[in-house]
Structure formats: structure tokens, C-alpha cells
Amino acid sequence: MSPVGTATVGTAGGSHLQPVFPLKITLPQSQMSIEYEQVMGADLSGCQVMGQQLLLLIGRDVLERMILIYDGPGGQFTLAF
């Protein structure tokens, strides 16, 4: 996938340019989807959680248009729009 632009982000190490990409999220059970013109990308290669490759981090820029319910003790989450 090719980026559609860049955005400047501030980190503890200073300012950096990060690529931005278009995004479409579809919830399979409802077939509802939501689209974003651009969200920030991150290189997640080599990042694993419990032995599985990390594919996506959902940031507040995406979550601000959704409802997230997180059940930490149950190890489950619910995502809706």
C-alpha cells in the first residue's frame, strides 16, 4: 500500500515524519464499514504479542468515531460504530 502523504509527529526523540494512509474498517458480522481519508502509519514489522505478528494499532484518531468496550480480565473487547 502506498502512503497518501506524511504527517509530523512529536516524540520523546524529537519531531519525525510518518506516512499516512487511507483506511476502511468493516465489521464482518454487521457488514458496516467506516472510512478515513488518512490515518498515520507505523512500521510494525517484528512486533509480536503472545507469539502472533501485530498487524494494526488502532489509535485515538480512529477510535474517536467508534465505541470501544474493553474487558481486561476477560481478555475481550467490543468495537462498534
Protein backbone atom coordinates (compact mmCIF):
# COMPACT_ATOMS: atom_id res chain seq x y z
CA MET A 1 0.00 0.00 0.00
CA SER A 2 1.33 3.43 -0.88
CA PRO A 3 1.06 6.37 1.53
CA VAL A 4 -1.09 9.36 0.51
CA GLY A 5 1.07 11.85 2.40
CA THR A 6 3.03 12.46 5.58
CA ALA A 7 2.38 13.99 8.99
CA THR A 8 4.77 15.41 11.56
CA VAL A 9 4.63 13.75 14.97
CA GLY A 10 6.36 14.75 18.17
CA THR A 11 8.07 12.01 20.16
CA ALA A 12 10.50 11.84 23.06
CA GLY A 13 13.25 11.70 20.41
CA GLY A 14 12.02 14.84 18.60
CA SER A 15 9.82 15.50 15.58
CA HIS A 16 9.53 12.88 12.82
CA LEU A 17 7.63 12.47 9.58
CA GLN A 18 5.29 9.48 9.45
CA PRO A 19 3.41 8.21 6.39
CA VAL A 20 -0.40 8.50 6.29
CA PHE A 21 -2.70 6.05 4.51
CA PRO A 22 -6.39 5.77 3.64
CA LEU A 23 -8.25 3.28 5.87
CA LYS A 24 -11.51 1.35 5.63
CA ILE A 25 -12.67 -0.78 8.56
CA THR A 26 -15.50 -3.28 8.05
CA LEU A 27 -17.10 -5.20 10.90
CA PRO A 28 -17.75 -8.63 9.35
CA GLN A 29 -20.87 -9.60 11.31
CA SER A 30 -22.73 -6.39 10.54
CA GLN A 31 -21.14 -5.55 7.16
CA MET A 32 -20.97 -1.95 8.39
CA SER A 33 -17.89 -0.01 7.42
CA ILE A 34 -16.25 3.31 8.14
CA GLU A 35 -13.67 5.08 6.00
CA TYR A 36 -10.91 7.53 6.83
CA GLU A 37 -9.15 9.72 4.28
CA GLN A 38 -5.88 9.41 6.15
CA VAL A 39 -4.53 7.79 9.28
CA MET A 40 -0.96 7.58 10.49
CA GLY A 41 1.08 4.53 9.63
CA ALA A 42 3.66 2.72 11.75
CA ASP A 43 6.23 0.05 10.95
CA LEU A 44 5.09 -2.96 12.99
CA SER A 45 7.40 -5.50 11.36
CA GLY A 46 8.88 -7.74 14.02
CA CYS A 47 6.30 -6.73 16.65
CA GLN A 48 4.60 -9.70 18.25
CA VAL A 49 2.04 -10.14 21.01
CA MET A 50 1.76 -13.59 22.57
CA GLY A 51 3.65 -15.07 19.62
CA GLN A 52 1.45 -13.53 16.91
CA GLN A 53 2.51 -10.81 14.47
CA LEU A 54 0.99 -7.42 15.30
CA LEU A 55 -0.92 -6.19 12.23
CA LEU A 56 -2.58 -2.99 13.35
CA LEU A 57 -2.63 -0.44 16.14
CA ILE A 58 -5.90 1.44 16.43
CA GLY A 59 -5.24 4.98 17.64
CA ARG A 60 -7.47 7.65 19.08
CA ASP A 61 -7.83 9.25 15.63
CA VAL A 62 -9.77 6.14 14.56
CA LEU A 63 -11.43 5.34 17.90
CA GLU A 64 -12.94 8.83 18.20
CA ARG A 65 -15.62 7.72 15.72
CA MET A 66 -16.31 4.38 17.47
CA ILE A 67 -17.33 2.84 20.77
CA LEU A 68 -14.69 0.60 22.38
CA ILE A 69 -15.54 -1.57 25.38
CA TYR A 70 -12.52 -3.36 26.83
CA ASP A 71 -12.86 -6.25 29.29
CA GLY A 72 -9.31 -6.70 30.56
CA PRO A 73 -9.97 -9.58 32.97
CA GLY A 74 -11.99 -11.42 30.31
CA GLY A 75 -9.45 -10.72 27.56
CA GLN A 76 -12.18 -9.45 25.22
CA PHE A 77 -13.18 -6.22 23.52
CA THR A 78 -16.21 -4.91 21.66
CA LEU A 79 -15.90 -2.38 18.84
CA ALA A 80 -18.91 -0.61 17.31
CA PHE A 81 -19.84 2.49 15.36
